[in-house]
Amino acid sequence: MSSVVDGTTAIPEQPPLAGPNHASSEPPSSYEITVRIEKPMLRRVLRKLLNSYLGRKRYLAALIIGYAVTTFLLKQDYSWYTWVLVGLLIIVVVLPMLLRSLMFLRWLRAYQAEQGEAACYRFDDDGIEARVTNGQGQMPWQEFNRLLRLDEAWLLFTRGNAFTILPLRDLSPGLRELIMGKIEANDGEII
């Protein structure tokens, strides 16, 4: 940019300043977010996670088996296959529901104890740095192998099946691209 007004000299062009308040064509090298997860949201996200583990096919099988058992019992058919179906119904429905409840409570308590009121995450090309109530740590991207995208949060899984909940309201489009790119680079799974 140059200007000649009233005998002044031209102002040489200068590159724009780099920084958070200046527009740049390059994406930032790191992203920092503070995550606060309210109990209702945490419960919804964990329920969806558990339902993804159990799957809808199990519920469909339970409905079919339940219908067959009810039909046989109403016809007063107490033969061996009726009792096999009753046992199968217990194994397919009741046992997973009990396990689901126990897992849900365990995950809820563990996540609340670890996360605390808020957690700060810094994402960059090297990995993720987390600062939570219990301390801080850094993990390289190679440790992350799966991303589960839910409607209100993303769950980022490590190879050890631990996960971090990242609410979508806190994730900028650039950060979403970074996370998906790093998971894909690790031959990870995006669901």
Protein backbone atom coordinates (compact mmCIF):
# COMPACT_ATOMS: atom_id res chain seq x y z
CA MET A 1 0.00 0.00 0.00
CA SER A 2 1.38 3.39 -0.93
CA SER A 3 0.08 6.90 -0.76
CA VAL A 4 1.33 10.25 -1.94
CA VAL A 5 -0.56 13.10 -0.34
CA ASP A 6 0.74 16.66 0.01
CA GLY A 7 4.33 15.81 -0.76
CA THR A 8 4.73 12.84 1.60
CA THR A 9 6.75 9.88 0.53
CA ALA A 10 5.36 6.49 -0.38
CA ILE A 11 4.77 4.06 2.46
CA PRO A 12 6.38 0.70 1.64
CA GLU A 13 4.15 -2.37 1.66
CA GLN A 14 4.52 -4.53 4.74
CA PRO A 15 3.34 -8.09 5.30
CA PRO A 16 0.32 -8.41 7.61
CA LEU A 17 1.12 -9.13 11.23
CA ALA A 18 0.71 -12.73 12.31
CA GLY A 19 -1.35 -13.30 15.40
CA PRO A 20 -4.77 -14.31 16.68
CA ASN A 21 -6.44 -11.01 15.75
CA HIS A 22 -5.16 -10.84 12.18
CA ALA A 23 -6.61 -12.67 9.22
CA SER A 24 -4.36 -15.28 7.67
CA SER A 25 -4.83 -17.85 4.94
CA GLU A 26 -3.04 -20.51 6.97
CA PRO A 27 -4.89 -22.38 9.72
CA PRO A 28 -3.57 -21.93 13.25
CA SER A 29 -0.82 -24.33 14.32
CA SER A 30 -2.66 -25.16 17.55
CA TYR A 31 -6.11 -24.91 19.06
CA GLU A 32 -6.91 -24.47 22.72
CA ILE A 33 -10.35 -25.14 24.17
CA THR A 34 -11.89 -25.31 27.62
CA VAL A 35 -14.51 -28.01 27.97
CA ARG A 36 -17.33 -27.94 30.50
CA ILE A 37 -19.70 -30.88 30.35
CA GLU A 38 -22.95 -30.62 32.24
CA LYS A 39 -24.42 -33.78 33.82
CA PRO A 40 -27.43 -34.02 31.45
CA MET A 41 -25.18 -33.85 28.40
CA LEU A 42 -22.75 -36.35 29.91
CA ARG A 43 -25.61 -38.77 30.56
CA ARG A 44 -26.94 -38.42 26.99
CA VAL A 45 -23.52 -38.94 25.44
CA LEU A 46 -22.74 -41.99 27.59
CA ARG A 47 -26.16 -43.51 26.80
CA LYS A 48 -25.52 -43.11 23.08
CA LEU A 49 -22.09 -44.67 23.49
CA LEU A 50 -23.53 -47.68 25.30
CA ASN A 51 -26.30 -48.05 22.73
CA SER A 52 -23.69 -48.04 19.98
CA TYR A 53 -21.94 -50.93 21.76
CA LEU A 54 -25.12 -52.93 22.25
CA GLY A 55 -26.56 -52.16 18.85
CA ARG A 56 -30.09 -52.22 17.54
CA LYS A 57 -29.85 -55.80 16.31
CA ARG A 58 -29.78 -57.03 19.90
CA TYR A 59 -33.01 -55.19 20.66
CA LEU A 60 -34.64 -56.60 17.53
CA ALA A 61 -33.58 -60.11 18.54
CA ALA A 62 -35.01 -59.49 22.01
CA LEU A 63 -38.34 -58.42 20.54
CA ILE A 64 -38.57 -61.51 18.36
CA ILE A 65 -37.59 -63.87 21.18
CA GLY A 66 -39.94 -62.08 23.59
CA TYR A 67 -42.81 -62.44 21.14
CA ALA A 68 -42.09 -66.16 20.68
CA VAL A 69 -41.89 -66.77 24.44
CA THR A 70 -45.14 -64.87 25.05
CA THR A 71 -46.90 -66.80 22.30
CA PHE A 72 -45.78 -70.18 23.66
CA LEU A 73 -46.71 -69.29 27.23
CA LEU A 74 -50.16 -68.03 26.20
CA LYS A 75 -50.76 -71.30 24.34
CA GLN A 76 -49.63 -73.08 27.51
CA ASP A 77 -46.91 -74.83 25.56
CA TYR A 78 -44.30 -75.61 28.20
CA SER A 79 -42.02 -77.79 26.13
CA TRP A 80 -38.23 -77.64 26.26
CA TYR A 81 -37.86 -75.11 23.44
CA THR A 82 -40.04 -72.61 25.34
CA TRP A 83 -37.59 -72.72 28.25
CA VAL A 84 -34.63 -72.45 25.88
CA LEU A 85 -36.21 -69.28 24.46
CA VAL A 86 -36.79 -67.95 28.00
CA GLY A 87 -33.11 -68.55 28.79
CA LEU A 88 -32.08 -66.94 25.52
CA LEU A 89 -34.28 -63.95 26.30
CA ILE A 90 -32.58 -63.53 29.67
CA ILE A 91 -29.13 -63.77 28.09
CA VAL A 92 -29.94 -61.40 25.20
CA VAL A 93 -31.97 -58.80 27.11
CA VAL A 94 -31.76 -58.90 30.89
CA LEU A 95 -28.05 -59.58 31.26
CA PRO A 96 -26.95 -56.85 28.81
CA MET A 97 -29.31 -54.37 30.46
CA LEU A 98 -27.75 -55.06 33.85
CA LEU A 99 -24.25 -54.78 32.42
CA ARG A 100 -25.23 -51.58 30.62
CA SER A 101 -26.47 -50.04 33.87
CA LEU A 102 -23.31 -51.00 35.72
CA MET A 103 -21.04 -49.73 32.94
CA PHE A 104 -23.00 -46.50 32.67
CA LEU A 105 -22.67 -45.73 36.38
CA ARG A 106 -18.98 -46.64 36.39
CA TRP A 107 -18.22 -44.45 33.36
CA LEU A 108 -20.25 -41.57 34.77
CA ARG A 109 -18.42 -41.60 38.10
CA ALA A 110 -14.99 -42.09 36.55
CA TYR A 111 -15.44 -39.34 34.00
CA GLN A 112 -16.75 -36.84 36.55
CA ALA A 113 -13.92 -37.64 38.97
CA GLU A 114 -11.25 -37.29 36.29
CA GLN A 115 -12.64 -34.32 34.38
CA GLY A 116 -13.79 -32.22 37.30
CA GLU A 117 -15.60 -28.99 36.58
CA ALA A 118 -13.63 -28.10 33.46
CA ALA A 119 -10.77 -29.36 31.33
CA CYS A 120 -8.44 -27.46 29.04
CA TYR A 121 -7.17 -29.12 25.88
CA ARG A 122 -4.49 -27.95 23.47
CA PHE A 123 -4.45 -29.62 20.05
CA ASP A 124 -1.46 -29.31 17.74
CA ASP A 125 0.44 -31.36 15.16
CA ASP A 126 2.27 -33.31 17.87
CA GLY A 127 -0.75 -34.42 19.90
CA ILE A 128 -3.14 -33.36 22.61
CA GLU A 129 -2.20 -31.74 25.88
CA ALA A 130 -4.84 -31.96 28.62
CA ARG A 131 -5.11 -30.09 31.89
CA VAL A 132 -7.78 -31.55 34.17
CA THR A 133 -8.52 -31.57 37.90
CA ASN A 134 -6.16 -34.48 38.59
CA GLY A 135 -3.20 -33.05 36.68
CA GLN A 136 -2.00 -32.68 33.15
CA GLY A 137 -0.50 -34.78 30.41
CA GLN A 138 0.22 -35.01 26.73
CA MET A 139 -0.51 -37.80 24.28
CA PRO A 140 0.79 -38.06 20.72
CA TRP A 141 -1.71 -38.53 17.90
CA GLN A 142 -0.45 -42.09 17.37
CA GLU A 143 -2.25 -43.09 20.58
CA PHE A 144 -5.66 -42.17 19.15
CA ASN A 145 -7.31 -44.68 16.85
CA ARG A 146 -11.06 -44.01 16.79
CA LEU A 147 -13.46 -41.10 16.60
CA LEU A 148 -17.15 -41.57 17.34
CA ARG A 149 -19.18 -38.61 16.06
CA LEU A 150 -22.44 -38.13 17.92
CA ASP A 151 -24.95 -35.34 17.37
CA GLU A 152 -23.79 -33.18 20.31
CA ALA A 153 -20.26 -34.41 21.01
CA TRP A 154 -17.32 -36.31 19.57
CA LEU A 155 -15.68 -39.13 21.51
CA LEU A 156 -11.97 -39.48 20.85
CA PHE A 157 -10.68 -42.97 21.77
CA THR A 158 -7.15 -44.08 22.59
CA ARG A 159 -5.78 -47.48 21.70
CA GLY A 160 -6.47 -48.52 25.30
CA ASN A 161 -10.20 -47.75 24.83
CA ALA A 162 -10.15 -44.69 27.09
CA PHE A 163 -12.00 -41.75 25.60
CA THR A 164 -12.38 -38.01 25.81
CA ILE A 165 -15.69 -36.25 25.26
CA LEU A 166 -15.42 -33.15 23.09
CA PRO A 167 -18.68 -31.16 22.84
CA LEU A 168 -19.34 -29.93 19.30
CA ARG A 169 -20.12 -26.44 20.60
CA ASP A 170 -16.42 -26.13 21.59
CA LEU A 171 -14.93 -27.45 18.33
CA SER A 172 -14.17 -24.98 15.55
CA PRO A 173 -14.30 -26.23 11.94
CA GLY A 174 -10.49 -26.06 11.74
CA LEU A 175 -10.12 -28.16 14.90
CA ARG A 176 -12.61 -30.72 13.57
CA GLU A 177 -10.57 -31.04 10.38
CA LEU A 178 -7.35 -31.43 12.39
CA ILE A 179 -8.82 -34.21 14.55
CA MET A 180 -10.30 -36.13 11.61
CA GLY A 181 -7.09 -35.72 9.61
CA LYS A 182 -4.93 -37.08 12.43
CA ILE A 183 -7.24 -40.06 13.04
CA GLU A 184 -7.23 -40.88 9.30
CA ALA A 185 -3.43 -40.53 9.19
CA ASN A 186 -3.23 -43.18 11.95
CA ASP A 187 -5.43 -45.52 9.88
CA GLY A 188 -8.03 -44.96 12.60
CA GLU A 189 -11.76 -45.42 12.40
CA ILE A 190 -14.19 -42.52 12.11
CA ILE A 191 -17.72 -43.52 12.96
